[in-house]
Amino acid sequence: MRGVISNAIYKSVEHRVMVNSLQERVSLAFFYNPKSDIPIQPAPELVTPETPALYPGMTFDQYRLYIRMMGPRGKSQVESLKSPR
């Protein structure tokens, strides 16, 4: 979502782990789920005629449904939402 809200100014990173067989690893999961009707779209102050919105606006529910229907594909999933310039 970081890429969508920043209109691709800031890139989202994929979670990656390097396995170390000599040392235990601790993972902590944090989940953030906004209200279902909250809009997910580029911030209005980042959209201008010179830099149009690269992603369509949608609610968090629509975003979540899109992710679930397409299956897990990592960062390329959000990139597939991007509008052609």
PDB file of N, CA and C in Angstrom:
ATOM      1  N   MET A   1       0.817  -1.195   0.000  1.00  0.00           N
ATOM      2  CA  MET A   1       0.000   0.000   0.000  1.00  0.00           C
ATOM      3  C   MET A   1       0.859   1.257   0.000  1.00  0.00           C
ATOM      4  N   ARG A   2       2.063   1.155   0.503  1.00  0.00           N
ATOM      5  CA  ARG A   2       2.942   2.332   0.547  1.00  0.00           C
ATOM      6  C   ARG A   2       3.165   2.896  -0.855  1.00  0.00           C
ATOM      7  N   GLY A   3       3.348   2.011  -1.831  1.00  0.00           N
ATOM      8  CA  GLY A   3       3.541   2.446  -3.206  1.00  0.00           C
ATOM      9  C   GLY A   3       2.313   3.123  -3.771  1.00  0.00           C
ATOM     10  N   VAL A   4       1.138   2.617  -3.437  1.00  0.00           N
ATOM     11  CA  VAL A   4      -0.120   3.203  -3.920  1.00  0.00           C
ATOM     12  C   VAL A   4      -0.322   4.579  -3.317  1.00  0.00           C
ATOM     13  N   ILE A   5      -0.226   4.700  -2.016  1.00  0.00           N
ATOM     14  CA  ILE A   5      -0.491   5.973  -1.338  1.00  0.00           C
ATOM     15  C   ILE A   5       0.515   7.046  -1.747  1.00  0.00           C
ATOM     16  N   SER A   6       1.770   6.637  -1.996  1.00  0.00           N
ATOM     17  CA  SER A   6       2.782   7.622  -2.397  1.00  0.00           C
ATOM     18  C   SER A   6       2.824   7.831  -3.915  1.00  0.00           C
ATOM     19  N   ASN A   7       1.907   7.209  -4.641  1.00  0.00           N
ATOM     20  CA  ASN A   7       1.867   7.294  -6.103  1.00  0.00           C
ATOM     21  C   ASN A   7       3.193   6.846  -6.710  1.00  0.00           C
ATOM     22  N   ALA A   8       3.733   5.771  -6.148  1.00  0.00           N
ATOM     23  CA  ALA A   8       4.976   5.119  -6.597  1.00  0.00           C
ATOM     24  C   ALA A   8       6.233   5.935  -6.328  1.00  0.00           C
ATOM     25  N   ILE A   9       6.142   6.959  -5.494  1.00  0.00           N
ATOM     26  CA  ILE A   9       7.348   7.700  -5.106  1.00  0.00           C
ATOM     27  C   ILE A   9       8.196   6.828  -4.184  1.00  0.00           C
ATOM     28  N   TYR A  10       7.526   6.182  -3.218  1.00  0.00           N
ATOM     29  CA  TYR A  10       8.209   5.270  -2.310  1.00  0.00           C
ATOM     30  C   TYR A  10       7.856   3.842  -2.712  1.00  0.00           C
ATOM     31  N   LYS A  11       8.826   3.005  -2.807  1.00  0.00           N
ATOM     32  CA  LYS A  11       8.621   1.616  -3.201  1.00  0.00           C
ATOM     33  C   LYS A  11       8.371   0.750  -1.974  1.00  0.00           C
ATOM     34  N   SER A  12       7.464  -0.180  -2.112  1.00  0.00           N
ATOM     35  CA  SER A  12       7.241  -1.168  -1.067  1.00  0.00           C
ATOM     36  C   SER A  12       8.322  -2.228  -1.180  1.00  0.00           C
ATOM     37  N   VAL A  13       8.686  -2.796  -0.059  1.00  0.00           N
ATOM     38  CA  VAL A  13       9.700  -3.848  -0.084  1.00  0.00           C
ATOM     39  C   VAL A  13       9.042  -5.177   0.259  1.00  0.00           C
ATOM     40  N   GLU A  14       9.575  -6.238  -0.323  1.00  0.00           N
ATOM     41  CA  GLU A  14       9.085  -7.572  -0.003  1.00  0.00           C
ATOM     42  C   GLU A  14       9.810  -8.082   1.227  1.00  0.00           C
ATOM     43  N   HIS A  15       9.115  -8.864   2.002  1.00  0.00           N
ATOM     44  CA  HIS A  15       9.708  -9.479   3.189  1.00  0.00           C
ATOM     45  C   HIS A  15      10.629 -10.600   2.741  1.00  0.00           C
ATOM     46  N   ARG A  16      11.863 -10.527   3.143  1.00  0.00           N
ATOM     47  CA  ARG A  16      12.829 -11.573   2.805  1.00  0.00           C
ATOM     48  C   ARG A  16      13.594 -11.961   4.059  1.00  0.00           C
ATOM     49  N   VAL A  17      13.963 -13.214   4.121  1.00  0.00           N
ATOM     50  CA  VAL A  17      14.662 -13.735   5.286  1.00  0.00           C
ATOM     51  C   VAL A  17      15.880 -14.515   4.819  1.00  0.00           C
ATOM     52  N   MET A  18      16.984 -14.291   5.498  1.00  0.00           N
ATOM     53  CA  MET A  18      18.177 -15.103   5.252  1.00  0.00           C
ATOM     54  C   MET A  18      18.251 -16.134   6.373  1.00  0.00           C
ATOM     55  N   VAL A  19      18.332 -17.381   6.003  1.00  0.00           N
ATOM     56  CA  VAL A  19      18.365 -18.462   6.978  1.00  0.00           C
ATOM     57  C   VAL A  19      19.772 -18.599   7.542  1.00  0.00           C
ATOM     58  N   ASN A  20      19.835 -18.700   8.859  1.00  0.00           N
ATOM     59  CA  ASN A  20      21.107 -18.906   9.545  1.00  0.00           C
ATOM     60  C   ASN A  20      20.949 -20.153  10.394  1.00  0.00           C
ATOM     61  N   SER A  21      21.557 -21.247   9.974  1.00  0.00           N
ATOM     62  CA  SER A  21      21.398 -22.515  10.689  1.00  0.00           C
ATOM     63  C   SER A  21      22.122 -22.532  12.032  1.00  0.00           C
ATOM     64  N   LEU A  22      22.938 -21.520  12.306  1.00  0.00           N
ATOM     65  CA  LEU A  22      23.695 -21.485  13.556  1.00  0.00           C
ATOM     66  C   LEU A  22      23.006 -20.684  14.655  1.00  0.00           C
ATOM     67  N   GLN A  23      21.985 -19.956  14.298  1.00  0.00           N
ATOM     68  CA  GLN A  23      21.352 -19.064  15.278  1.00  0.00           C
ATOM     69  C   GLN A  23      19.831 -19.100  15.117  1.00  0.00           C
ATOM     70  N   GLU A  24      19.132 -19.095  16.252  1.00  0.00           N
ATOM     71  CA  GLU A  24      17.669 -19.070  16.208  1.00  0.00           C
ATOM     72  C   GLU A  24      17.191 -17.722  15.701  1.00  0.00           C
ATOM     73  N   ARG A  25      16.034 -17.745  15.099  1.00  0.00           N
ATOM     74  CA  ARG A  25      15.439 -16.519  14.576  1.00  0.00           C
ATOM     75  C   ARG A  25      14.089 -16.301  15.243  1.00  0.00           C
ATOM     76  N   VAL A  26      13.802 -15.079  15.598  1.00  0.00           N
ATOM     77  CA  VAL A  26      12.519 -14.723  16.188  1.00  0.00           C
ATOM     78  C   VAL A  26      11.778 -13.835  15.200  1.00  0.00           C
ATOM     79  N   SER A  27      10.538 -14.196  14.919  1.00  0.00           N
ATOM     80  CA  SER A  27       9.711 -13.396  14.022  1.00  0.00           C
ATOM     81  C   SER A  27       8.516 -12.855  14.791  1.00  0.00           C
ATOM     82  N   LEU A  28       8.197 -11.617  14.559  1.00  0.00           N
ATOM     83  CA  LEU A  28       7.019 -10.995  15.155  1.00  0.00           C
ATOM     84  C   LEU A  28       6.123 -10.513  14.025  1.00  0.00           C
ATOM     85  N   ALA A  29       4.872 -10.896  14.071  1.00  0.00           N
ATOM     86  CA  ALA A  29       3.924 -10.479  13.033  1.00  0.00           C
ATOM     87  C   ALA A  29       3.086  -9.315  13.542  1.00  0.00           C
ATOM     88  N   PHE A  30       2.958  -8.301  12.721  1.00  0.00           N
ATOM     89  CA  PHE A  30       2.111  -7.156  13.029  1.00  0.00           C
ATOM     90  C   PHE A  30       1.107  -7.022  11.900  1.00  0.00           C
ATOM     91  N   PHE A  31      -0.147  -6.900  12.243  1.00  0.00           N
ATOM     92  CA  PHE A  31      -1.191  -6.792  11.234  1.00  0.00           C
ATOM     93  C   PHE A  31      -1.886  -5.452  11.361  1.00  0.00           C
ATOM     94  N   TYR A  32      -2.110  -4.836  10.243  1.00  0.00           N
ATOM     95  CA  TYR A  32      -2.797  -3.556  10.213  1.00  0.00           C
ATOM     96  C   TYR A  32      -3.930  -3.676   9.220  1.00  0.00           C
ATOM     97  N   ASN A  33      -5.139  -3.569   9.677  1.00  0.00           N
ATOM     98  CA  ASN A  33      -6.304  -3.643   8.801  1.00  0.00           C
ATOM     99  C   ASN A  33      -7.180  -2.428   9.052  1.00  0.00           C
ATOM    100  N   PRO A  34      -7.153  -1.476   8.133  1.00  0.00           N
ATOM    101  CA  PRO A  34      -8.023  -0.312   8.303  1.00  0.00           C
ATOM    102  C   PRO A  34      -9.490  -0.696   8.125  1.00  0.00           C
ATOM    103  N   LYS A  35     -10.361   0.224   8.440  1.00  0.00           N
ATOM    104  CA  LYS A  35     -11.793  -0.008   8.243  1.00  0.00           C
ATOM    105  C   LYS A  35     -12.041  -0.358   6.786  1.00  0.00           C
ATOM    106  N   SER A  36     -13.058  -1.164   6.555  1.00  0.00           N
ATOM    107  CA  SER A  36     -13.315  -1.693   5.212  1.00  0.00           C
ATOM    108  C   SER A  36     -13.643  -0.626   4.175  1.00  0.00           C
ATOM    109  N   ASP A  37     -14.209   0.513   4.599  1.00  0.00           N
ATOM    110  CA  ASP A  37     -14.608   1.536   3.624  1.00  0.00           C
ATOM    111  C   ASP A  37     -13.572   2.653   3.460  1.00  0.00           C
ATOM    112  N   ILE A  38     -12.402   2.494   4.070  1.00  0.00           N
ATOM    113  CA  ILE A  38     -11.368   3.531   3.963  1.00  0.00           C
ATOM    114  C   ILE A  38     -10.805   3.535   2.532  1.00  0.00           C
ATOM    115  N   PRO A  39     -10.634   4.717   1.939  1.00  0.00           N
ATOM    116  CA  PRO A  39     -10.103   4.742   0.568  1.00  0.00           C
ATOM    117  C   PRO A  39      -8.605   4.466   0.527  1.00  0.00           C
ATOM    118  N   ILE A  40      -8.197   3.650  -0.422  1.00  0.00           N
ATOM    119  CA  ILE A  40      -6.786   3.363  -0.690  1.00  0.00           C
ATOM    120  C   ILE A  40      -6.514   3.971  -2.067  1.00  0.00           C
ATOM    121  N   GLN A  41      -5.747   5.033  -2.104  1.00  0.00           N
ATOM    122  CA  GLN A  41      -5.492   5.748  -3.355  1.00  0.00           C
ATOM    123  C   GLN A  41      -4.281   6.649  -3.169  1.00  0.00           C
ATOM    124  N   PRO A  42      -3.716   7.139  -4.275  1.00  0.00           N
ATOM    125  CA  PRO A  42      -2.606   8.075  -4.139  1.00  0.00           C
ATOM    126  C   PRO A  42      -3.047   9.324  -3.362  1.00  0.00           C
ATOM    127  N   ALA A  43      -2.167   9.826  -2.505  1.00  0.00           N
ATOM    128  CA  ALA A  43      -2.464  11.037  -1.726  1.00  0.00           C
ATOM    129  C   ALA A  43      -2.727  12.197  -2.690  1.00  0.00           C
ATOM    130  N   PRO A  44      -3.802  12.940  -2.501  1.00  0.00           N
ATOM    131  CA  PRO A  44      -4.166  14.018  -3.428  1.00  0.00           C
ATOM    132  C   PRO A  44      -3.043  15.032  -3.660  1.00  0.00           C
ATOM    133  N   GLU A  45      -2.255  15.326  -2.637  1.00  0.00           N
ATOM    134  CA  GLU A  45      -1.179  16.306  -2.804  1.00  0.00           C
ATOM    135  C   GLU A  45      -0.027  15.802  -3.677  1.00  0.00           C
ATOM    136  N   LEU A  46      -0.025  14.495  -3.982  1.00  0.00           N
ATOM    137  CA  LEU A  46       1.012  13.929  -4.839  1.00  0.00           C
ATOM    138  C   LEU A  46       0.545  13.734  -6.284  1.00  0.00           C
ATOM    139  N   VAL A  47      -0.720  14.070  -6.553  1.00  0.00           N
ATOM    140  CA  VAL A  47      -1.285  13.922  -7.899  1.00  0.00           C
ATOM    141  C   VAL A  47      -1.424  15.293  -8.528  1.00  0.00           C
ATOM    142  N   THR A  48      -0.771  15.485  -9.667  1.00  0.00           N
ATOM    143  CA  THR A  48      -0.815  16.750 -10.405  1.00  0.00           C
ATOM    144  C   THR A  48      -0.982  16.418 -11.887  1.00  0.00           C
ATOM    145  N   PRO A  49      -1.232  17.413 -12.727  1.00  0.00           N
ATOM    146  CA  PRO A  49      -1.277  17.131 -14.169  1.00  0.00           C
ATOM    147  C   PRO A  49       0.039  16.532 -14.682  1.00  0.00           C
ATOM    148  N   GLU A  50       1.153  16.933 -14.086  1.00  0.00           N
ATOM    149  CA  GLU A  50       2.451  16.389 -14.500  1.00  0.00           C
ATOM    150  C   GLU A  50       2.698  14.986 -13.944  1.00  0.00           C
ATOM    151  N   THR A  51       2.136  14.695 -12.781  1.00  0.00           N
ATOM    152  CA  THR A  51       2.269  13.371 -12.165  1.00  0.00           C
ATOM    153  C   THR A  51       0.876  12.828 -11.844  1.00  0.00           C
ATOM    154  N   PRO A  52       0.180  12.298 -12.855  1.00  0.00           N
ATOM    155  CA  PRO A  52      -1.176  11.791 -12.624  1.00  0.00           C
ATOM    156  C   PRO A  52      -1.169  10.562 -11.716  1.00  0.00           C
ATOM    157  N   ALA A  53      -2.325  10.247 -11.176  1.00  0.00           N
ATOM    158  CA  ALA A  53      -2.463   9.071 -10.312  1.00  0.00           C
ATOM    159  C   ALA A  53      -2.097   7.819 -11.099  1.00  0.00           C
ATOM    160  N   LEU A  54      -1.230   7.003 -10.532  1.00  0.00           N
ATOM    161  CA  LEU A  54      -0.809   5.762 -11.185  1.00  0.00           C
ATOM    162  C   LEU A  54      -1.678   4.576 -10.790  1.00  0.00           C
ATOM    163  N   TYR A  55      -2.440   4.724  -9.719  1.00  0.00           N
ATOM    164  CA  TYR A  55      -3.269   3.635  -9.218  1.00  0.00           C
ATOM    165  C   TYR A  55      -4.703   4.122  -9.080  1.00  0.00           C
ATOM    166  N   PRO A  56      -5.686   3.275  -9.391  1.00  0.00           N
ATOM    167  CA  PRO A  56      -7.086   3.674  -9.204  1.00  0.00           C
ATOM    168  C   PRO A  56      -7.441   3.684  -7.723  1.00  0.00           C
ATOM    169  N   GLY A  57      -8.356   4.543  -7.345  1.00  0.00           N
ATOM    170  CA  GLY A  57      -8.836   4.552  -5.971  1.00  0.00           C
ATOM    171  C   GLY A  57      -9.746   3.357  -5.728  1.00  0.00           C
ATOM    172  N   MET A  58      -9.699   2.807  -4.539  1.00  0.00           N
ATOM    173  CA  MET A  58     -10.574   1.705  -4.157  1.00  0.00           C
ATOM    174  C   MET A  58     -10.679   1.691  -2.641  1.00  0.00           C
ATOM    175  N   THR A  59     -11.669   0.997  -2.135  1.00  0.00           N
ATOM    176  CA  THR A  59     -11.782   0.857  -0.685  1.00  0.00           C
ATOM    177  C   THR A  59     -10.841  -0.259  -0.233  1.00  0.00           C
ATOM    178  N   PHE A  60     -10.588  -0.297   1.071  1.00  0.00           N
ATOM    179  CA  PHE A  60      -9.735  -1.365   1.586  1.00  0.00           C
ATOM    180  C   PHE A  60     -10.356  -2.730   1.312  1.00  0.00           C
ATOM    181  N   ASP A  61     -11.704  -2.845   1.395  1.00  0.00           N
ATOM    182  CA  ASP A  61     -12.375  -4.110   1.080  1.00  0.00           C
ATOM    183  C   ASP A  61     -12.122  -4.524  -0.365  1.00  0.00           C
ATOM    184  N   GLN A  62     -12.195  -3.582  -1.302  1.00  0.00           N
ATOM    185  CA  GLN A  62     -11.933  -3.892  -2.711  1.00  0.00           C
ATOM    186  C   GLN A  62     -10.478  -4.330  -2.902  1.00  0.00           C
ATOM    187  N   TYR A  63      -9.568  -3.656  -2.232  1.00  0.00           N
ATOM    188  CA  TYR A  63      -8.150  -4.002  -2.299  1.00  0.00           C
ATOM    189  C   TYR A  63      -7.917  -5.419  -1.770  1.00  0.00           C
ATOM    190  N   ARG A  64      -8.506  -5.707  -0.617  1.00  0.00           N
ATOM    191  CA  ARG A  64      -8.354  -7.032   0.002  1.00  0.00           C
ATOM    192  C   ARG A  64      -8.948  -8.118  -0.896  1.00  0.00           C
ATOM    193  N   LEU A  65     -10.108  -7.861  -1.493  1.00  0.00           N
ATOM    194  CA  LEU A  65     -10.739  -8.825  -2.396  1.00  0.00           C
ATOM    195  C   LEU A  65      -9.851  -9.068  -3.624  1.00  0.00           C
ATOM    196  N   TYR A  66      -9.286  -8.006  -4.173  1.00  0.00           N
ATOM    197  CA  TYR A  66      -8.394  -8.141  -5.321  1.00  0.00           C
ATOM    198  C   TYR A  66      -7.199  -9.035  -4.969  1.00  0.00           C
ATOM    199  N   ILE A  67      -6.584  -8.794  -3.825  1.00  0.00           N
ATOM    200  CA  ILE A  67      -5.434  -9.586  -3.390  1.00  0.00           C
ATOM    201  C   ILE A  67      -5.825 -11.054  -3.213  1.00  0.00           C
ATOM    202  N   ARG A  68      -6.985 -11.297  -2.617  1.00  0.00           N
ATOM    203  CA  ARG A  68      -7.422 -12.683  -2.378  1.00  0.00           C
ATOM    204  C   ARG A  68      -7.776 -13.401  -3.676  1.00  0.00           C
ATOM    205  N   MET A  69      -8.398 -12.709  -4.605  1.00  0.00           N
ATOM    206  CA  MET A  69      -8.805 -13.342  -5.855  1.00  0.00           C
ATOM    207  C   MET A  69      -7.605 -13.648  -6.755  1.00  0.00           C
ATOM    208  N   MET A  70      -6.591 -12.817  -6.691  1.00  0.00           N
ATOM    209  CA  MET A  70      -5.425 -13.005  -7.545  1.00  0.00           C
ATOM    210  C   MET A  70      -4.417 -13.994  -6.944  1.00  0.00           C
ATOM    211  N   GLY A  71      -4.546 -14.292  -5.665  1.00  0.00           N
ATOM    212  CA  GLY A  71      -3.601 -15.197  -5.013  1.00  0.00           C
ATOM    213  C   GLY A  71      -2.317 -14.461  -4.648  1.00  0.00           C
ATOM    214  N   PRO A  72      -1.506 -15.055  -3.786  1.00  0.00           N
ATOM    215  CA  PRO A  72      -0.286 -14.373  -3.351  1.00  0.00           C
ATOM    216  C   PRO A  72       0.738 -14.269  -4.481  1.00  0.00           C
ATOM    217  N   ARG A  73       1.104 -13.041  -4.819  1.00  0.00           N
ATOM    218  CA  ARG A  73       2.112 -12.818  -5.849  1.00  0.00           C
ATOM    219  C   ARG A  73       3.104 -11.746  -5.426  1.00  0.00           C
ATOM    220  N   GLY A  74       3.081 -11.382  -4.162  1.00  0.00           N
ATOM    221  CA  GLY A  74       4.048 -10.416  -3.655  1.00  0.00           C
ATOM    222  C   GLY A  74       3.875  -9.032  -4.253  1.00  0.00           C
ATOM    223  N   LYS A  75       4.987  -8.360  -4.415  1.00  0.00           N
ATOM    224  CA  LYS A  75       5.006  -6.963  -4.865  1.00  0.00           C
ATOM    225  C   LYS A  75       4.403  -6.792  -6.261  1.00  0.00           C
ATOM    226  N   SER A  76       4.544  -7.781  -7.128  1.00  0.00           N
ATOM    227  CA  SER A  76       4.006  -7.658  -8.482  1.00  0.00           C
ATOM    228  C   SER A  76       2.492  -7.517  -8.479  1.00  0.00           C
ATOM    229  N   GLN A  77       1.849  -7.962  -7.416  1.00  0.00           N
ATOM    230  CA  GLN A  77       0.398  -7.853  -7.318  1.00  0.00           C
ATOM    231  C   GLN A  77      -0.038  -6.400  -7.250  1.00  0.00           C
ATOM    232  N   VAL A  78       0.626  -5.600  -6.443  1.00  0.00           N
ATOM    233  CA  VAL A  78       0.280  -4.185  -6.330  1.00  0.00           C
ATOM    234  C   VAL A  78       0.657  -3.474  -7.635  1.00  0.00           C
ATOM    235  N   GLU A  79       1.771  -3.849  -8.222  1.00  0.00           N
ATOM    236  CA  GLU A  79       2.189  -3.240  -9.487  1.00  0.00           C
ATOM    237  C   GLU A  79       1.174  -3.505 -10.592  1.00  0.00           C
ATOM    238  N   SER A  80       0.459  -4.633 -10.524  1.00  0.00           N
ATOM    239  CA  SER A  80      -0.529  -4.946 -11.556  1.00  0.00           C
ATOM    240  C   SER A  80      -1.728  -4.014 -11.504  1.00  0.00           C
ATOM    241  N   LEU A  81      -1.903  -3.296 -10.403  1.00  0.00           N
ATOM    242  CA  LEU A  81      -2.982  -2.317 -10.293  1.00  0.00           C
ATOM    243  C   LEU A  81      -2.652  -1.010 -11.017  1.00  0.00           C
ATOM    244  N   LYS A  82      -1.374  -0.796 -11.264  1.00  0.00           N
ATOM    245  CA  LYS A  82      -0.904   0.474 -11.804  1.00  0.00           C
ATOM    246  C   LYS A  82      -1.512   0.754 -13.169  1.00  0.00           C
ATOM    247  N   SER A  83      -1.964   1.998 -13.364  1.00  0.00           N
ATOM    248  CA  SER A  83      -2.515   2.432 -14.645  1.00  0.00           C
ATOM    249  C   SER A  83      -1.402   2.698 -15.635  1.00  0.00           C
ATOM    250  N   PRO A  84      -1.625   2.388 -16.909  1.00  0.00           N
ATOM    251  CA  PRO A  84      -0.605   2.751 -17.894  1.00  0.00           C
ATOM    252  C   PRO A  84      -0.555   4.264 -18.060  1.00  0.00           C
ATOM    253  N   ARG A  85       0.622   4.808 -18.247  1.00  0.00           N
ATOM    254  CA  ARG A  85       0.731   6.271 -18.432  1.00  0.00           C
ATOM    255  C   ARG A  85       0.495   6.628 -19.858  1.00  0.00           C
TER     256      ARG A  85
END
